[in-house]
C-alpha atoms as a PDB file:
ATOM      1  CA  MET A   1     167.019  20.548  37.815  1.00  0.00           C
ATOM      2  CA  ALA A   2     164.818  18.059  35.959  1.00  0.00           C
ATOM      3  CA  GLU A   3     161.184  17.115  37.201  1.00  0.00           C
ATOM      4  CA  VAL A   4     160.363  13.840  36.430  1.00  0.00           C
ATOM      5  CA  ALA A   5     156.987  12.655  37.791  1.00  0.00           C
ATOM      6  CA  GLY A   6     156.992   9.175  39.194  1.00  0.00           C
ATOM      7  CA  GLU A   7     155.086   7.435  36.798  1.00  0.00           C
ATOM      8  CA  ALA A   8     157.228   8.668  34.235  1.00  0.00           C
ATOM      9  CA  VAL A   9     159.747   6.451  32.643  1.00  0.00           C
ATOM     10  CA  VAL A  10     163.271   7.076  31.741  1.00  0.00           C
ATOM     11  CA  CYS A  11     165.918   5.395  30.908  1.00  0.00           C
ATOM     12  CA  ARG A  12     169.421   6.303  32.324  1.00  0.00           C
ATOM     13  CA  GLY A  13     170.949   6.838  28.999  1.00  0.00           C
ATOM     14  CA  ALA A  14     168.719  10.195  27.719  1.00  0.00           C
ATOM     15  CA  VAL A  15     169.962  13.185  28.909  1.00  0.00           C
ATOM     16  CA  LEU A  16     167.692  16.217  30.657  1.00  0.00           C
ATOM     17  CA  GLU A  17     169.805  18.569  30.522  1.00  0.00           C
ATOM     18  CA  GLY A  18     168.192  22.617  32.492  1.00  0.00           C
ATOM     19  CA  PRO A  19     164.845  22.884  33.466  1.00  0.00           C
ATOM     20  CA  VAL A  20     162.992  20.224  32.147  1.00  0.00           C
ATOM     21  CA  ARG A  21     159.225  18.546  33.439  1.00  0.00           C
ATOM     22  CA  ILE A  22     158.655  15.704  32.016  1.00  0.00           C
ATOM     23  CA  GLY A  23     154.807  14.612  33.043  1.00  0.00           C
ATOM     24  CA  PRO A  24     153.457  11.098  34.072  1.00  0.00           C
ATOM     25  CA  GLY A  25     153.377   7.981  32.014  1.00  0.00           C
ATOM     26  CA  THR A  26     156.493   9.517  29.648  1.00  0.00           C
ATOM     27  CA  VAL A  27     158.409   7.472  28.055  1.00  0.00           C
ATOM     28  CA  VAL A  28     162.197   8.533  27.407  1.00  0.00           C
ATOM     29  CA  HIS A  29     164.077   6.096  25.553  1.00  0.00           C
ATOM     30  CA  PRO A  30     168.208   5.735  25.617  1.00  0.00           C
ATOM     31  CA  THR A  31     170.350   8.566  23.626  1.00  0.00           C
ATOM     32  CA  ALA A  32     167.051  11.018  24.031  1.00  0.00           C
ATOM     33  CA  ARG A  33     167.853  14.210  24.553  1.00  0.00           C
ATOM     34  CA  ILE A  34     166.072  17.174  26.067  1.00  0.00           C
ATOM     35  CA  ILE A  35     168.003  20.252  27.005  1.00  0.00           C
ATOM     36  CA  ALA A  36     166.418  23.603  27.408  1.00  0.00           C
ATOM     37  CA  LYS A  37     169.290  26.163  27.284  1.00  0.00           C
ATOM     38  CA  GLY A  38     166.859  29.170  26.439  1.00  0.00           C
ATOM     39  CA  GLY A  39     163.847  28.358  28.674  1.00  0.00           C
ATOM     40  CA  LYS A  40     162.350  25.638  30.522  1.00  0.00           C
ATOM     41  CA  ILE A  41     160.393  22.424  28.397  1.00  0.00           C
ATOM     42  CA  VAL A  42     157.099  21.128  29.576  1.00  0.00           C
ATOM     43  CA  ILE A  43     156.388  17.846  28.524  1.00  0.00           C
ATOM     44  CA  GLY A  44     153.022  16.276  29.012  1.00  0.00           C
ATOM     45  CA  ARG A  45     151.715  12.705  29.918  1.00  0.00           C
ATOM     46  CA  ASN A  46     151.961   9.673  28.104  1.00  0.00           C
ATOM     47  CA  ASN A  47     154.499  10.750  25.175  1.00  0.00           C
ATOM     48  CA  ILE A  48     157.032   8.490  23.831  1.00  0.00           C
ATOM     49  CA  ILE A  49     160.211  10.277  23.096  1.00  0.00           C
ATOM     50  CA  GLU A  50     162.613   7.646  21.479  1.00  0.00           C
ATOM     51  CA  GLU A  51     166.356   6.909  21.159  1.00  0.00           C
ATOM     52  CA  GLN A  52     168.015   9.350  19.236  1.00  0.00           C
ATOM     53  CA  VAL A  53     165.283  12.140  19.705  1.00  0.00           C
ATOM     54  CA  ILE A  54     166.298  16.024  20.530  1.00  0.00           C
ATOM     55  CA  ILE A  55     164.018  17.995  21.861  1.00  0.00           C
ATOM     56  CA  GLN A  56     165.739  21.925  22.418  1.00  0.00           C
ATOM     57  CA  ASN A  57     164.664  25.262  23.768  1.00  0.00           C
ATOM     58  CA  GLN A  58     167.627  27.087  22.270  1.00  0.00           C
ATOM     59  CA  LEU A  59     167.576  30.948  22.975  1.00  0.00           C
ATOM     60  CA  VAL A  60     169.018  32.186  19.513  1.00  0.00           C
ATOM     61  CA  GLY A  61     167.962  36.170  18.538  1.00  0.00           C
ATOM     62  CA  LYS A  62     165.987  36.406  20.935  1.00  0.00           C
ATOM     63  CA  ASP A  63     165.597  38.214  24.648  1.00  0.00           C
ATOM     64  CA  VAL A  64     162.705  36.992  26.009  1.00  0.00           C
ATOM     65  CA  ILE A  65     162.801  33.110  27.678  1.00  0.00           C
ATOM     66  CA  GLU A  66     160.099  31.232  26.812  1.00  0.00           C
ATOM     67  CA  THR A  67     158.879  27.751  27.653  1.00  0.00           C
ATOM     68  CA  ILE A  68     158.295  25.119  25.031  1.00  0.00           C
ATOM     69  CA  SER A  69     155.404  23.408  26.100  1.00  0.00           C
ATOM     70  CA  ILE A  70     154.198  19.486  24.653  1.00  0.00           C
ATOM     71  CA  GLY A  71     150.777  18.151  25.770  1.00  0.00           C
ATOM     72  CA  ASP A  72     150.170  14.704  26.238  1.00  0.00           C
ATOM     73  CA  ASN A  73     150.182  11.505  23.745  1.00  0.00           C
ATOM     74  CA  ASN A  74     152.623  12.767  21.459  1.00  0.00           C
ATOM     75  CA  VAL A  75     155.118   9.997  19.203  1.00  0.00           C
ATOM     76  CA  PHE A  76     158.684  11.358  18.562  1.00  0.00           C
ATOM     77  CA  GLU A  77     160.352   8.700  16.358  1.00  0.00           C
ATOM     78  CA  VAL A  78     163.867   7.701  15.977  1.00  0.00           C
ATOM     79  CA  GLY A  79     166.241  10.540  15.206  1.00  0.00           C
ATOM     80  CA  SER A  80     163.203  13.525  15.245  1.00  0.00           C
ATOM     81  CA  GLU A  81     164.145  17.085  16.267  1.00  0.00           C
ATOM     82  CA  PHE A  82     162.038  19.751  18.101  1.00  0.00           C
ATOM     83  CA  LEU A  83     162.987  23.054  18.037  1.00  0.00           C
ATOM     84  CA  GLY A  84     159.326  24.389  18.386  1.00  0.00           C
ATOM     85  CA  GLN A  85     157.680  26.434  20.715  1.00  0.00           C
ATOM     86  CA  SER A  86     154.172  24.466  21.529  1.00  0.00           C
ATOM     87  CA  CYS A  87     153.133  21.170  20.610  1.00  0.00           C
ATOM     88  CA  GLY A  88     149.213  19.960  21.241  1.00  0.00           C
ATOM     89  CA  SER A  89     148.113  16.179  21.783  1.00  0.00           C
ATOM     90  CA  PHE A  90     148.075  13.101  19.484  1.00  0.00           C
ATOM     91  CA  ASN A  91     150.754  14.441  17.488  1.00  0.00           C
ATOM     92  CA  LEU A  92     153.412  11.729  15.468  1.00  0.00           C
ATOM     93  CA  PHE A  93     156.918  12.898  14.231  1.00  0.00           C
ATOM     94  CA  GLU A  94     158.312   9.990  12.452  1.00  0.00           C
ATOM     95  CA  CYS A  95     161.883   9.144  12.143  1.00  0.00           C
ATOM     96  CA  LYS A  96     164.268  12.043  11.499  1.00  0.00           C
ATOM     97  CA  SER A  97     161.642  14.638  10.939  1.00  0.00           C
ATOM     98  CA  ARG A  98     162.012  17.923  12.158  1.00  0.00           C
ATOM     99  CA  VAL A  99     161.022  20.962  13.741  1.00  0.00           C
ATOM    100  CA  GLU A 100     162.353  24.264  13.477  1.00  0.00           C
ATOM    101  CA  GLN A 101     162.247  26.915  16.152  1.00  0.00           C
ATOM    102  CA  ASN A 102     158.607  29.306  16.740  1.00  0.00           C
ATOM    103  CA  VAL A 103     156.490  26.458  14.980  1.00  0.00           C
ATOM    104  CA  GLN A 104     153.705  25.916  17.033  1.00  0.00           C
ATOM    105  CA  ILE A 105     152.178  22.836  16.227  1.00  0.00           C
ATOM    106  CA  GLY A 106     147.534  21.706  16.732  1.00  0.00           C
ATOM    107  CA  ASP A 107     146.787  18.403  17.564  1.00  0.00           C
ATOM    108  CA  HIS A 108     146.754  15.248  15.323  1.00  0.00           C
ATOM    109  CA  CYS A 109     149.087  16.717  13.255  1.00  0.00           C
ATOM    110  CA  CYS A 110     151.875  14.474  11.740  1.00  0.00           C
ATOM    111  CA  ILE A 111     155.216  15.387  10.530  1.00  0.00           C
ATOM    112  CA  GLY A 112     156.411  12.428   8.264  1.00  0.00           C
ATOM    113  CA  ALA A 113     159.687  10.998   7.803  1.00  0.00           C
ATOM    114  CA  LYS A 114     162.686  13.154   7.056  1.00  0.00           C
ATOM    115  CA  SER A 115     160.224  16.608   6.281  1.00  0.00           C
ATOM    116  CA  VAL A 116     160.714  19.919   8.098  1.00  0.00           C
ATOM    117  CA  ALA A 117     157.905  21.780   9.553  1.00  0.00           C
ATOM    118  CA  ARG A 118     159.697  25.466   8.883  1.00  0.00           C
ATOM    119  CA  SER A 119     160.224  28.100  11.034  1.00  0.00           C
ATOM    120  CA  GLY A 120     157.842  30.208  11.978  1.00  0.00           C
ATOM    121  CA  GLN A 121     154.892  28.260  10.699  1.00  0.00           C
ATOM    122  CA  VAL A 122     151.609  27.597  12.529  1.00  0.00           C
ATOM    123  CA  LEU A 123     149.904  24.142  12.250  1.00  0.00           C
ATOM    124  CA  SER A 124     146.706  23.720  12.773  1.00  0.00           C
ATOM    125  CA  ASP A 125     144.683  20.914  14.059  1.00  0.00           C
ATOM    126  CA  HIS A 126     144.856  17.334  11.640  1.00  0.00           C
ATOM    127  CA  THR A 127     148.051  19.092   9.743  1.00  0.00           C
ATOM    128  CA  ILE A 128     150.278  16.964   7.497  1.00  0.00           C
ATOM    129  CA  VAL A 129     153.539  17.596   6.375  1.00  0.00           C
ATOM    130  CA  TYR A 130     155.339  14.429   3.690  1.00  0.00           C
ATOM    131  CA  GLY A 131     157.605  14.801   0.798  1.00  0.00           C
ATOM    132  CA  PRO A 132     160.703  15.868  -0.229  1.00  0.00           C
ATOM    133  CA  ARG A 133     159.345  19.568  -0.721  1.00  0.00           C
ATOM    134  CA  ASN A 134     157.306  19.455   2.963  1.00  0.00           C
ATOM    135  CA  SER A 135     153.598  19.731   1.468  1.00  0.00           C
ATOM    136  CA  THR A 136     151.182  20.722   3.688  1.00  0.00           C
ATOM    137  CA  ARG A 137     147.813  19.495   3.699  1.00  0.00           C
ATOM    138  CA  ILE A 138     144.754  19.294   6.305  1.00  0.00           C
ATOM    139  CA  ASP A 139     142.946  15.788   6.623  1.00  0.00           C
ATOM    140  CA  PRO A 140     140.395  16.234   9.050  1.00  0.00           C
ATOM    141  CA  THR A 141     140.291  12.646   9.368  1.00  0.00           C
ATOM    142  CA  TYR A 142     143.611  12.283  10.654  1.00  0.00           C
ATOM    143  CA  LYS A 143     144.218  10.520  14.017  1.00  0.00           C
ATOM    144  CA  GLN A 144     147.439   8.203  15.582  1.00  0.00           C
ATOM    145  CA  PRO A 145     147.339   5.177  14.840  1.00  0.00           C
ATOM    146  CA  LEU A 146     145.606   3.206  17.531  1.00  0.00           C
ATOM    147  CA  ALA A 147     149.163   0.758  18.101  1.00  0.00           C
ATOM    148  CA  PHE A 148     150.276   3.580  19.718  1.00  0.00           C
ATOM    149  CA  GLN A 149     148.554   3.361  22.803  1.00  0.00           C
ATOM    150  CA  GLU A 150     149.402  -0.549  22.834  1.00  0.00           C
ATOM    151  CA  GLN A 151     153.324   0.781  22.158  1.00  0.00           C
ATOM    152  CA  LEU A 152     152.786   2.929  25.311  1.00  0.00           C
ATOM    153  CA  GLN A 153     151.725   0.255  27.908  1.00  0.00           C
ATOM    154  CA  VAL A 154     154.370  -2.259  26.801  1.00  0.00           C
ATOM    155  CA  LEU A 155     157.349  -0.194  26.970  1.00  0.00           C
ATOM    156  CA  GLN A 156     155.783   1.065  30.414  1.00  0.00           C
ATOM    157  CA  GLN A 157     155.772  -2.122  32.075  1.00  0.00           C
ATOM    158  CA  THR A 158     158.529  -3.395  30.144  1.00  0.00           C
ATOM    159  CA  LEU A 159     161.462  -1.145  29.307  1.00  0.00           C
ATOM    160  CA  ASP A 160     163.097  -0.822  33.222  1.00  0.00           C
ATOM    161  CA  LYS A 161     163.996  -4.682  32.277  1.00  0.00           C
ATOM    162  CA  TYR A 162     166.055  -4.333  29.484  1.00  0.00           C
ATOM    163  CA  HIS A 163     167.890  -0.522  30.400  1.00  0.00           C
ATOM    164  CA  PRO A 164     168.493   1.306  33.132  1.00  0.00           C
ATOM    165  CA  LEU A 165     166.090   3.918  35.062  1.00  0.00           C
ATOM    166  CA  GLN A 166     166.493   7.682  36.124  1.00  0.00           C
ATOM    167  CA  LYS A 167     165.044   8.436  39.187  1.00  0.00           C
END
């Protein structure tokens, strides 16, 4: 039931369950899990979804099935978890970060390592969530690290040499 764009790179060990759409240029590592139980998950172009990432749309306490929409050029680092409602573009989800249900994330945001965006939060553009107390601040100068584009290119060109791909 998954729909994967021709230019996407999805490793065979990744789990795509339910109505999932992966956009062109997006890279999904082995052991990543994208599970659409409560509605569709639509992932844009040129995202990196690393190992042990969970992106899940689950129907909990809702009568209406909703689509989770994830924009372009986002990075989900190892072990991060996204259960949110929507995600803009150019965001960074650091290792073991967690976005709970019904969270809306704008563009150019960062959820720090082991930090949590709590259920119902709306994070405007350039919001950073950090630290053990999940503090937030807005930094209008924050941009995703430039190394992301280089990392994406390397993964798109070489991942199939080391891991079998789904298609």
